[in-house]
Amino acid sequence: MAAQFFNRIGQLGLGVAVLGGVVNSALYNVEGGHRAVIFDRFTGIKESVVGEGTHFFIPWVQRPIIFDIRSQPRNVPVITGSKDLQNVNITLRILYRPIPDQLPKIYTILGQDYDERVLPSIAPEVLKAVVAQFDAGELITQREMVSQRVSQELTVRAKQFGFILDDISLTHLTFGREFTQAVEMKQVAQQEAEKARFVVEKAEQQKLASIISAEGDAAAADLLAKSFGEAGDGLVELRRIEAAEDIAYQLSRSRGVAYLPSGQSTLLNLPSTIAQ
């Protein structure tokens, strides 16, 4: 009896395990930020898109295909020419994601690697068409306008293939060696011209200052001559007295200097015999 009981338990456990394996093989998970498309061996790709969560499918008959619908970055380097025939190296950074409702169409036409099939072809085409409308200098001064034009046209093209471009930016922009050298030479010439202009302006200012100083000296001389003509020697005597007062004031403030009134002997009263 015990052997039969354990035999039945073993059979039941085996049946549960087999049933669990079958059920587990018929389940699949769709993680957050993902969507699934079901391929049926009899009807092909189903038009419905499966959302996030755990879902059933028929093993061997059906197969779930998972797509990541979150924004993904991609850099597209392009070498093209400007309107004035200058070589331009541009790197385009794109944030893209598929439109969930378009996933069955995307998988049918392009497959899961749709970005590898579409972006490397449409991005250079649009970028070359836009850059060819601008000169090399305009690509630098009007970079924002160039980026907007590329974004508008590339968004329209990408939508035709069933995915969205969240952001498009020009992250790298360089020119050929000849154009770079020409720009450097132009900058050096502009700096030299600015330096020469500064030297000329400085000389003109110095010349103007000399003229103003000479005019001031001439005016002062005229005033002195007029004063001498009106006051005669009195003005000279006044200036002499003022100068003497200033000298006396400076000497009085100096140590070791004694002032003796005029008319007195500078020697002490000594005996006459010694004085002789």
C-alpha atoms as a PDB file:
ATOM      1  CA  MET A   1       0.000   0.000   0.000  1.00  0.00           C
ATOM      2  CA  ALA A   2       2.782   2.460   0.896  1.00  0.00           C
ATOM      3  CA  ALA A   3       4.629   1.666  -2.328  1.00  0.00           C
ATOM      4  CA  GLN A   4       1.525   2.306  -4.408  1.00  0.00           C
ATOM      5  CA  PHE A   5       0.925   5.591  -2.535  1.00  0.00           C
ATOM      6  CA  PHE A   6       4.432   6.867  -3.183  1.00  0.00           C
ATOM      7  CA  ASN A   7       4.190   5.671  -6.787  1.00  0.00           C
ATOM      8  CA  ARG A   8       1.024   7.716  -7.271  1.00  0.00           C
ATOM      9  CA  ILE A   9       2.665  10.757  -5.617  1.00  0.00           C
ATOM     10  CA  GLY A  10       5.619  10.447  -7.994  1.00  0.00           C
ATOM     11  CA  GLN A  11       3.369  10.219 -11.031  1.00  0.00           C
ATOM     12  CA  LEU A  12       1.360  13.200  -9.838  1.00  0.00           C
ATOM     13  CA  GLY A  13       4.529  15.228  -9.271  1.00  0.00           C
ATOM     14  CA  LEU A  14       5.826  14.298 -12.711  1.00  0.00           C
ATOM     15  CA  GLY A  15       2.529  15.334 -14.276  1.00  0.00           C
ATOM     16  CA  VAL A  16       2.598  18.675 -12.448  1.00  0.00           C
ATOM     17  CA  ALA A  17       6.185  19.269 -13.547  1.00  0.00           C
ATOM     18  CA  VAL A  18       5.364  18.471 -17.170  1.00  0.00           C
ATOM     19  CA  LEU A  19       2.285  20.672 -17.018  1.00  0.00           C
ATOM     20  CA  GLY A  20       4.305  23.481 -15.419  1.00  0.00           C
ATOM     21  CA  GLY A  21       6.962  23.193 -18.129  1.00  0.00           C
ATOM     22  CA  VAL A  22       4.329  23.388 -20.846  1.00  0.00           C
ATOM     23  CA  VAL A  23       2.648  26.390 -19.218  1.00  0.00           C
ATOM     24  CA  ASN A  24       6.017  28.117 -18.693  1.00  0.00           C
ATOM     25  CA  SER A  25       6.964  27.565 -22.324  1.00  0.00           C
ATOM     26  CA  ALA A  26       3.722  29.285 -23.328  1.00  0.00           C
ATOM     27  CA  LEU A  27       4.468  32.466 -21.330  1.00  0.00           C
ATOM     28  CA  TYR A  28       6.646  35.466 -22.236  1.00  0.00           C
ATOM     29  CA  ASN A  29       7.357  38.795 -20.561  1.00  0.00           C
ATOM     30  CA  VAL A  30       7.403  42.254 -22.078  1.00  0.00           C
ATOM     31  CA  GLU A  31       9.554  44.546 -19.930  1.00  0.00           C
ATOM     32  CA  GLY A  32       8.969  48.230 -19.309  1.00  0.00           C
ATOM     33  CA  GLY A  33       9.770  50.399 -22.299  1.00  0.00           C
ATOM     34  CA  HIS A  34       9.296  47.476 -24.704  1.00  0.00           C
ATOM     35  CA  ARG A  35       6.578  46.164 -27.011  1.00  0.00           C
ATOM     36  CA  ALA A  36       6.062  42.767 -28.672  1.00  0.00           C
ATOM     37  CA  VAL A  37       4.934  41.662 -32.092  1.00  0.00           C
ATOM     38  CA  ILE A  38       3.601  38.110 -32.588  1.00  0.00           C
ATOM     39  CA  PHE A  39       4.672  36.028 -35.561  1.00  0.00           C
ATOM     40  CA  ASP A  40       2.258  33.217 -36.410  1.00  0.00           C
ATOM     41  CA  ARG A  41       3.381  30.360 -38.625  1.00  0.00           C
ATOM     42  CA  PHE A  42      -0.029  30.247 -40.321  1.00  0.00           C
ATOM     43  CA  THR A  43      -1.111  33.901 -40.513  1.00  0.00           C
ATOM     44  CA  GLY A  44       2.227  35.727 -40.378  1.00  0.00           C
ATOM     45  CA  ILE A  45       2.799  38.947 -38.412  1.00  0.00           C
ATOM     46  CA  LYS A  46      -0.252  39.934 -36.386  1.00  0.00           C
ATOM     47  CA  GLU A  47      -1.344  43.565 -36.626  1.00  0.00           C
ATOM     48  CA  SER A  48      -1.842  43.933 -32.869  1.00  0.00           C
ATOM     49  CA  VAL A  49       1.019  45.143 -30.657  1.00  0.00           C
ATOM     50  CA  VAL A  50       1.424  43.512 -27.243  1.00  0.00           C
ATOM     51  CA  GLY A  51       2.089  45.842 -24.316  1.00  0.00           C
ATOM     52  CA  GLU A  52       4.070  45.404 -21.114  1.00  0.00           C
ATOM     53  CA  GLY A  53       3.443  42.427 -18.819  1.00  0.00           C
ATOM     54  CA  THR A  54       3.235  38.610 -18.988  1.00  0.00           C
ATOM     55  CA  HIS A  55       1.333  37.059 -21.912  1.00  0.00           C
ATOM     56  CA  PHE A  56       0.460  33.658 -23.417  1.00  0.00           C
ATOM     57  CA  PHE A  57       1.389  32.380 -26.845  1.00  0.00           C
ATOM     58  CA  ILE A  58       1.114  29.038 -28.613  1.00  0.00           C
ATOM     59  CA  PRO A  59       4.478  27.297 -28.586  1.00  0.00           C
ATOM     60  CA  TRP A  60       5.961  26.371 -31.970  1.00  0.00           C
ATOM     61  CA  VAL A  61       3.037  28.059 -33.732  1.00  0.00           C
ATOM     62  CA  GLN A  62       3.660  31.574 -32.446  1.00  0.00           C
ATOM     63  CA  ARG A  63       6.831  33.505 -31.622  1.00  0.00           C
ATOM     64  CA  PRO A  64       7.028  36.873 -29.787  1.00  0.00           C
ATOM     65  CA  ILE A  65       9.434  39.520 -31.168  1.00  0.00           C
ATOM     66  CA  ILE A  66      10.449  42.152 -28.618  1.00  0.00           C
ATOM     67  CA  PHE A  67      11.185  45.781 -29.589  1.00  0.00           C
ATOM     68  CA  ASP A  68      12.767  48.485 -27.431  1.00  0.00           C
ATOM     69  CA  ILE A  69      10.665  51.645 -27.855  1.00  0.00           C
ATOM     70  CA  ARG A  70      12.836  53.892 -25.654  1.00  0.00           C
ATOM     71  CA  SER A  71      14.930  56.693 -27.172  1.00  0.00           C
ATOM     72  CA  GLN A  72      18.318  55.482 -28.328  1.00  0.00           C
ATOM     73  CA  PRO A  73      21.328  57.573 -29.435  1.00  0.00           C
ATOM     74  CA  ARG A  74      23.245  57.204 -32.657  1.00  0.00           C
ATOM     75  CA  ASN A  75      26.116  59.178 -34.203  1.00  0.00           C
ATOM     76  CA  VAL A  76      26.248  59.520 -37.980  1.00  0.00           C
ATOM     77  CA  PRO A  77      29.517  60.977 -39.387  1.00  0.00           C
ATOM     78  CA  VAL A  78      29.205  62.614 -42.808  1.00  0.00           C
ATOM     79  CA  ILE A  79      31.773  64.149 -45.185  1.00  0.00           C
ATOM     80  CA  THR A  80      30.170  66.578 -47.621  1.00  0.00           C
ATOM     81  CA  GLY A  81      30.740  69.857 -49.460  1.00  0.00           C
ATOM     82  CA  SER A  82      29.492  73.382 -48.826  1.00  0.00           C
ATOM     83  CA  LYS A  83      28.073  75.845 -51.324  1.00  0.00           C
ATOM     84  CA  ASP A  84      31.541  77.327 -51.940  1.00  0.00           C
ATOM     85  CA  LEU A  85      33.003  73.833 -52.522  1.00  0.00           C
ATOM     86  CA  GLN A  86      34.717  73.450 -49.145  1.00  0.00           C
ATOM     87  CA  ASN A  87      35.055  69.993 -47.601  1.00  0.00           C
ATOM     88  CA  VAL A  88      33.056  69.719 -44.373  1.00  0.00           C
ATOM     89  CA  ASN A  89      33.222  66.957 -41.747  1.00  0.00           C
ATOM     90  CA  ILE A  90      29.990  66.809 -39.735  1.00  0.00           C
ATOM     91  CA  THR A  91      28.839  64.408 -37.036  1.00  0.00           C
ATOM     92  CA  LEU A  92      25.085  64.186 -36.528  1.00  0.00           C
ATOM     93  CA  ARG A  93      23.779  62.904 -33.173  1.00  0.00           C
ATOM     94  CA  ILE A  94      20.267  61.476 -33.310  1.00  0.00           C
ATOM     95  CA  LEU A  95      17.884  60.267 -30.589  1.00  0.00           C
ATOM     96  CA  TYR A  96      15.341  57.943 -32.203  1.00  0.00           C
ATOM     97  CA  ARG A  97      12.599  55.497 -31.219  1.00  0.00           C
ATOM     98  CA  PRO A  98      10.022  53.454 -33.156  1.00  0.00           C
ATOM     99  CA  ILE A  99       6.336  54.325 -33.230  1.00  0.00           C
ATOM    100  CA  PRO A 100       4.633  51.467 -31.291  1.00  0.00           C
ATOM    101  CA  ASP A 101       1.668  51.185 -33.667  1.00  0.00           C
ATOM    102  CA  GLN A 102       4.060  50.869 -36.628  1.00  0.00           C
ATOM    103  CA  LEU A 103       6.047  47.933 -35.201  1.00  0.00           C
ATOM    104  CA  PRO A 104       4.329  45.220 -37.345  1.00  0.00           C
ATOM    105  CA  LYS A 105       5.070  47.241 -40.483  1.00  0.00           C
ATOM    106  CA  ILE A 106       8.628  47.983 -39.365  1.00  0.00           C
ATOM    107  CA  TYR A 107       9.360  44.308 -38.720  1.00  0.00           C
ATOM    108  CA  THR A 108       7.768  43.210 -41.994  1.00  0.00           C
ATOM    109  CA  ILE A 109       9.664  45.717 -44.149  1.00  0.00           C
ATOM    110  CA  LEU A 110      12.903  46.437 -42.268  1.00  0.00           C
ATOM    111  CA  GLY A 111      13.321  43.868 -39.469  1.00  0.00           C
ATOM    112  CA  GLN A 112      14.526  44.419 -35.925  1.00  0.00           C
ATOM    113  CA  ASP A 113      17.686  46.243 -37.064  1.00  0.00           C
ATOM    114  CA  TYR A 114      15.635  48.964 -38.754  1.00  0.00           C
ATOM    115  CA  ASP A 115      17.962  51.704 -37.467  1.00  0.00           C
ATOM    116  CA  GLU A 116      20.965  50.125 -39.191  1.00  0.00           C
ATOM    117  CA  ARG A 117      19.045  49.990 -42.445  1.00  0.00           C
ATOM    118  CA  VAL A 118      17.480  53.458 -42.436  1.00  0.00           C
ATOM    119  CA  LEU A 119      19.551  56.042 -40.514  1.00  0.00           C
ATOM    120  CA  PRO A 120      22.886  55.531 -42.328  1.00  0.00           C
ATOM    121  CA  SER A 121      21.103  56.228 -45.614  1.00  0.00           C
ATOM    122  CA  ILE A 122      18.644  59.046 -44.919  1.00  0.00           C
ATOM    123  CA  ALA A 123      20.849  61.054 -42.514  1.00  0.00           C
ATOM    124  CA  PRO A 124      23.741  61.651 -44.974  1.00  0.00           C
ATOM    125  CA  GLU A 125      21.308  62.351 -47.817  1.00  0.00           C
ATOM    126  CA  VAL A 126      19.408  65.050 -45.908  1.00  0.00           C
ATOM    127  CA  LEU A 127      22.550  66.526 -44.366  1.00  0.00           C
ATOM    128  CA  LYS A 128      24.329  66.847 -47.718  1.00  0.00           C
ATOM    129  CA  ALA A 129      21.288  68.499 -49.291  1.00  0.00           C
ATOM    130  CA  VAL A 130      21.058  71.097 -46.494  1.00  0.00           C
ATOM    131  CA  VAL A 131      24.797  71.827 -46.182  1.00  0.00           C
ATOM    132  CA  ALA A 132      25.064  72.410 -49.943  1.00  0.00           C
ATOM    133  CA  GLN A 133      22.819  75.478 -49.507  1.00  0.00           C
ATOM    134  CA  PHE A 134      25.274  77.284 -47.183  1.00  0.00           C
ATOM    135  CA  ASP A 135      28.801  78.663 -47.530  1.00  0.00           C
ATOM    136  CA  ALA A 136      31.527  77.492 -45.166  1.00  0.00           C
ATOM    137  CA  GLY A 137      31.342  80.735 -43.207  1.00  0.00           C
ATOM    138  CA  GLU A 138      27.556  80.523 -42.953  1.00  0.00           C
ATOM    139  CA  LEU A 139      27.802  77.008 -41.516  1.00  0.00           C
ATOM    140  CA  ILE A 140      29.635  78.569 -38.552  1.00  0.00           C
ATOM    141  CA  THR A 141      27.638  81.775 -38.110  1.00  0.00           C
ATOM    142  CA  GLN A 142      24.239  80.176 -38.873  1.00  0.00           C
ATOM    143  CA  ARG A 143      24.809  76.806 -37.254  1.00  0.00           C
ATOM    144  CA  GLU A 144      21.483  76.885 -35.406  1.00  0.00           C
ATOM    145  CA  MET A 145      19.564  77.487 -38.637  1.00  0.00           C
ATOM    146  CA  VAL A 146      21.408  74.623 -40.336  1.00  0.00           C
ATOM    147  CA  SER A 147      20.550  72.318 -37.424  1.00  0.00           C
ATOM    148  CA  GLN A 148      16.860  73.310 -37.604  1.00  0.00           C
ATOM    149  CA  ARG A 149      16.691  72.674 -41.351  1.00  0.00           C
ATOM    150  CA  VAL A 150      18.305  69.257 -40.961  1.00  0.00           C
ATOM    151  CA  SER A 151      15.976  68.382 -38.070  1.00  0.00           C
ATOM    152  CA  GLN A 152      12.821  69.340 -39.986  1.00  0.00           C
ATOM    153  CA  GLU A 153      13.670  67.430 -43.153  1.00  0.00           C
ATOM    154  CA  LEU A 154      15.111  64.387 -41.392  1.00  0.00           C
ATOM    155  CA  THR A 155      12.074  64.089 -39.096  1.00  0.00           C
ATOM    156  CA  VAL A 156       9.766  63.977 -42.120  1.00  0.00           C
ATOM    157  CA  ARG A 157      11.889  61.301 -43.797  1.00  0.00           C
ATOM    158  CA  ALA A 158      12.136  59.154 -40.654  1.00  0.00           C
ATOM    159  CA  LYS A 159       8.384  59.262 -40.086  1.00  0.00           C
ATOM    160  CA  GLN A 160       7.885  57.592 -43.462  1.00  0.00           C
ATOM    161  CA  PHE A 161       9.726  54.546 -42.098  1.00  0.00           C
ATOM    162  CA  GLY A 162       7.762  54.394 -38.851  1.00  0.00           C
ATOM    163  CA  PHE A 163      10.012  55.927 -36.196  1.00  0.00           C
ATOM    164  CA  ILE A 164      10.391  59.256 -34.404  1.00  0.00           C
ATOM    165  CA  LEU A 165      13.464  61.454 -33.979  1.00  0.00           C
ATOM    166  CA  ASP A 166      13.340  63.066 -30.525  1.00  0.00           C
ATOM    167  CA  ASP A 167      16.481  65.166 -30.965  1.00  0.00           C
ATOM    168  CA  ILE A 168      18.917  66.027 -33.751  1.00  0.00           C
ATOM    169  CA  SER A 169      22.081  68.049 -33.181  1.00  0.00           C
ATOM    170  CA  LEU A 170      25.343  68.854 -34.937  1.00  0.00           C
ATOM    171  CA  THR A 171      28.012  67.778 -32.452  1.00  0.00           C
ATOM    172  CA  HIS A 172      31.099  68.056 -34.653  1.00  0.00           C
ATOM    173  CA  LEU A 173      31.876  70.494 -37.468  1.00  0.00           C
ATOM    174  CA  THR A 174      35.324  70.847 -39.083  1.00  0.00           C
ATOM    175  CA  PHE A 175      36.631  71.960 -42.456  1.00  0.00           C
ATOM    176  CA  GLY A 176      39.453  70.952 -44.787  1.00  0.00           C
ATOM    177  CA  ARG A 177      43.082  71.877 -44.126  1.00  0.00           C
ATOM    178  CA  GLU A 178      43.160  74.562 -46.833  1.00  0.00           C
ATOM    179  CA  PHE A 179      40.121  76.382 -45.471  1.00  0.00           C
ATOM    180  CA  THR A 180      41.444  76.173 -41.897  1.00  0.00           C
ATOM    181  CA  GLN A 181      44.786  77.674 -42.955  1.00  0.00           C
ATOM    182  CA  ALA A 182      42.998  80.444 -44.867  1.00  0.00           C
ATOM    183  CA  VAL A 183      40.931  81.304 -41.787  1.00  0.00           C
ATOM    184  CA  GLU A 184      44.050  81.401 -39.604  1.00  0.00           C
ATOM    185  CA  MET A 185      45.853  83.683 -42.081  1.00  0.00           C
ATOM    186  CA  LYS A 186      42.821  85.968 -42.204  1.00  0.00           C
ATOM    187  CA  GLN A 187      42.744  86.202 -38.406  1.00  0.00           C
ATOM    188  CA  VAL A 188      46.468  87.026 -38.295  1.00  0.00           C
ATOM    189  CA  ALA A 189      45.986  89.736 -40.941  1.00  0.00           C
ATOM    190  CA  GLN A 190      43.085  91.219 -38.976  1.00  0.00           C
ATOM    191  CA  GLN A 191      45.187  91.283 -35.795  1.00  0.00           C
ATOM    192  CA  GLU A 192      48.059  92.991 -37.629  1.00  0.00           C
ATOM    193  CA  ALA A 193      45.657  95.564 -39.073  1.00  0.00           C
ATOM    194  CA  GLU A 194      44.219  96.254 -35.603  1.00  0.00           C
ATOM    195  CA  LYS A 195      47.742  96.677 -34.229  1.00  0.00           C
ATOM    196  CA  ALA A 196      48.691  99.115 -37.012  1.00  0.00           C
ATOM    197  CA  ARG A 197      45.498 101.100 -36.476  1.00  0.00           C
ATOM    198  CA  PHE A 198      46.276 101.340 -32.746  1.00  0.00           C
ATOM    199  CA  VAL A 199      49.798 102.641 -33.482  1.00  0.00           C
ATOM    200  CA  VAL A 200      48.405 105.293 -35.848  1.00  0.00           C
ATOM    201  CA  GLU A 201      45.790 106.388 -33.321  1.00  0.00           C
ATOM    202  CA  LYS A 202      48.431 106.564 -30.580  1.00  0.00           C
ATOM    203  CA  ALA A 203      50.680 108.751 -32.779  1.00  0.00           C
ATOM    204  CA  GLU A 204      47.726 111.026 -33.587  1.00  0.00           C
ATOM    205  CA  GLN A 205      46.891 111.381 -29.890  1.00  0.00           C
ATOM    206  CA  GLN A 206      50.516 112.217 -29.062  1.00  0.00           C
ATOM    207  CA  LYS A 207      50.594 114.765 -31.858  1.00  0.00           C
ATOM    208  CA  LEU A 208      47.363 116.331 -30.595  1.00  0.00           C
ATOM    209  CA  ALA A 209      48.737 116.438 -27.045  1.00  0.00           C
ATOM    210  CA  SER A 210      51.921 118.191 -28.268  1.00  0.00           C
ATOM    211  CA  ILE A 211      49.864 120.749 -30.151  1.00  0.00           C
ATOM    212  CA  ILE A 212      47.686 121.437 -27.101  1.00  0.00           C
ATOM    213  CA  SER A 213      50.798 121.746 -24.883  1.00  0.00           C
ATOM    214  CA  ALA A 214      52.450 124.163 -27.323  1.00  0.00           C
ATOM    215  CA  GLU A 215      49.282 126.238 -27.526  1.00  0.00           C
ATOM    216  CA  GLY A 216      49.195 126.369 -23.715  1.00  0.00           C
ATOM    217  CA  ASP A 217      52.832 127.477 -23.523  1.00  0.00           C
ATOM    218  CA  ALA A 218      52.211 130.165 -26.127  1.00  0.00           C
ATOM    219  CA  ALA A 219      49.165 131.434 -24.234  1.00  0.00           C
ATOM    220  CA  ALA A 220      51.171 131.508 -20.979  1.00  0.00           C
ATOM    221  CA  ALA A 221      53.964 133.456 -22.697  1.00  0.00           C
ATOM    222  CA  ASP A 222      51.450 135.959 -24.054  1.00  0.00           C
ATOM    223  CA  LEU A 223      49.975 136.417 -20.576  1.00  0.00           C
ATOM    224  CA  LEU A 224      53.439 136.957 -19.063  1.00  0.00           C
ATOM    225  CA  ALA A 225      54.393 139.469 -21.745  1.00  0.00           C
ATOM    226  CA  LYS A 226      51.131 141.323 -21.197  1.00  0.00           C
ATOM    227  CA  SER A 227      51.704 141.357 -17.408  1.00  0.00           C
ATOM    228  CA  PHE A 228      55.277 142.640 -17.838  1.00  0.00           C
ATOM    229  CA  GLY A 229      54.012 145.361 -20.134  1.00  0.00           C
ATOM    230  CA  GLU A 230      51.394 146.495 -17.634  1.00  0.00           C
ATOM    231  CA  ALA A 231      53.314 146.109 -14.333  1.00  0.00           C
ATOM    232  CA  GLY A 232      56.907 146.623 -15.466  1.00  0.00           C
ATOM    233  CA  ASP A 233      59.594 145.385 -13.058  1.00  0.00           C
ATOM    234  CA  GLY A 234      57.128 145.174 -10.191  1.00  0.00           C
ATOM    235  CA  LEU A 235      55.935 141.706 -11.263  1.00  0.00           C
ATOM    236  CA  VAL A 236      59.524 140.421 -11.424  1.00  0.00           C
ATOM    237  CA  GLU A 237      60.248 141.828  -7.974  1.00  0.00           C
ATOM    238  CA  LEU A 238      57.087 140.198  -6.609  1.00  0.00           C
ATOM    239  CA  ARG A 239      58.120 136.795  -8.028  1.00  0.00           C
ATOM    240  CA  ARG A 240      61.623 137.243  -6.525  1.00  0.00           C
ATOM    241  CA  ILE A 241      60.199 137.998  -3.075  1.00  0.00           C
ATOM    242  CA  GLU A 242      57.892 134.962  -3.290  1.00  0.00           C
ATOM    243  CA  ALA A 243      60.844 132.749  -4.270  1.00  0.00           C
ATOM    244  CA  ALA A 244      62.946 134.122  -1.391  1.00  0.00           C
ATOM    245  CA  GLU A 245      60.148 133.436   1.076  1.00  0.00           C
ATOM    246  CA  ASP A 246      59.850 129.873  -0.147  1.00  0.00           C
ATOM    247  CA  ILE A 247      63.624 129.332   0.169  1.00  0.00           C
ATOM    248  CA  ALA A 248      63.679 130.790   3.664  1.00  0.00           C
ATOM    249  CA  TYR A 249      60.788 128.574   4.703  1.00  0.00           C
ATOM    250  CA  GLN A 250      62.526 125.447   3.421  1.00  0.00           C
ATOM    251  CA  LEU A 251      65.808 126.395   5.182  1.00  0.00           C
ATOM    252  CA  SER A 252      64.012 127.076   8.454  1.00  0.00           C
ATOM    253  CA  ARG A 253      62.664 123.531   8.464  1.00  0.00           C
ATOM    254  CA  SER A 254      66.095 121.995   7.891  1.00  0.00           C
ATOM    255  CA  ARG A 255      68.256 120.934  10.819  1.00  0.00           C
ATOM    256  CA  GLY A 256      71.756 122.410  11.257  1.00  0.00           C
ATOM    257  CA  VAL A 257      70.890 125.640   9.526  1.00  0.00           C
ATOM    258  CA  ALA A 258      71.091 128.874  11.580  1.00  0.00           C
ATOM    259  CA  TYR A 259      69.747 132.182  10.466  1.00  0.00           C
ATOM    260  CA  LEU A 260      71.805 135.312  11.266  1.00  0.00           C
ATOM    261  CA  PRO A 261      70.470 138.774  10.536  1.00  0.00           C
ATOM    262  CA  SER A 262      72.422 140.846   8.081  1.00  0.00           C
ATOM    263  CA  GLY A 263      75.043 143.297   9.444  1.00  0.00           C
ATOM    264  CA  GLN A 264      76.274 141.043  12.274  1.00  0.00           C
ATOM    265  CA  SER A 265      79.524 139.155  12.451  1.00  0.00           C
ATOM    266  CA  THR A 266      79.361 135.446  12.001  1.00  0.00           C
ATOM    267  CA  LEU A 267      82.111 134.884  14.599  1.00  0.00           C
ATOM    268  CA  LEU A 268      81.807 134.911  18.378  1.00  0.00           C
ATOM    269  CA  ASN A 269      83.185 137.881  20.417  1.00  0.00           C
ATOM    270  CA  LEU A 270      86.760 136.740  20.871  1.00  0.00           C
ATOM    271  CA  PRO A 271      89.715 138.658  22.299  1.00  0.00           C
ATOM    272  CA  SER A 272      91.273 141.024  19.862  1.00  0.00           C
ATOM    273  CA  THR A 273      94.637 139.355  20.109  1.00  0.00           C
ATOM    274  CA  ILE A 274      93.184 136.070  19.000  1.00  0.00           C
ATOM    275  CA  ALA A 275      91.183 137.780  16.299  1.00  0.00           C
ATOM    276  CA  GLN A 276      94.418 139.357  15.011  1.00  0.00           C
END
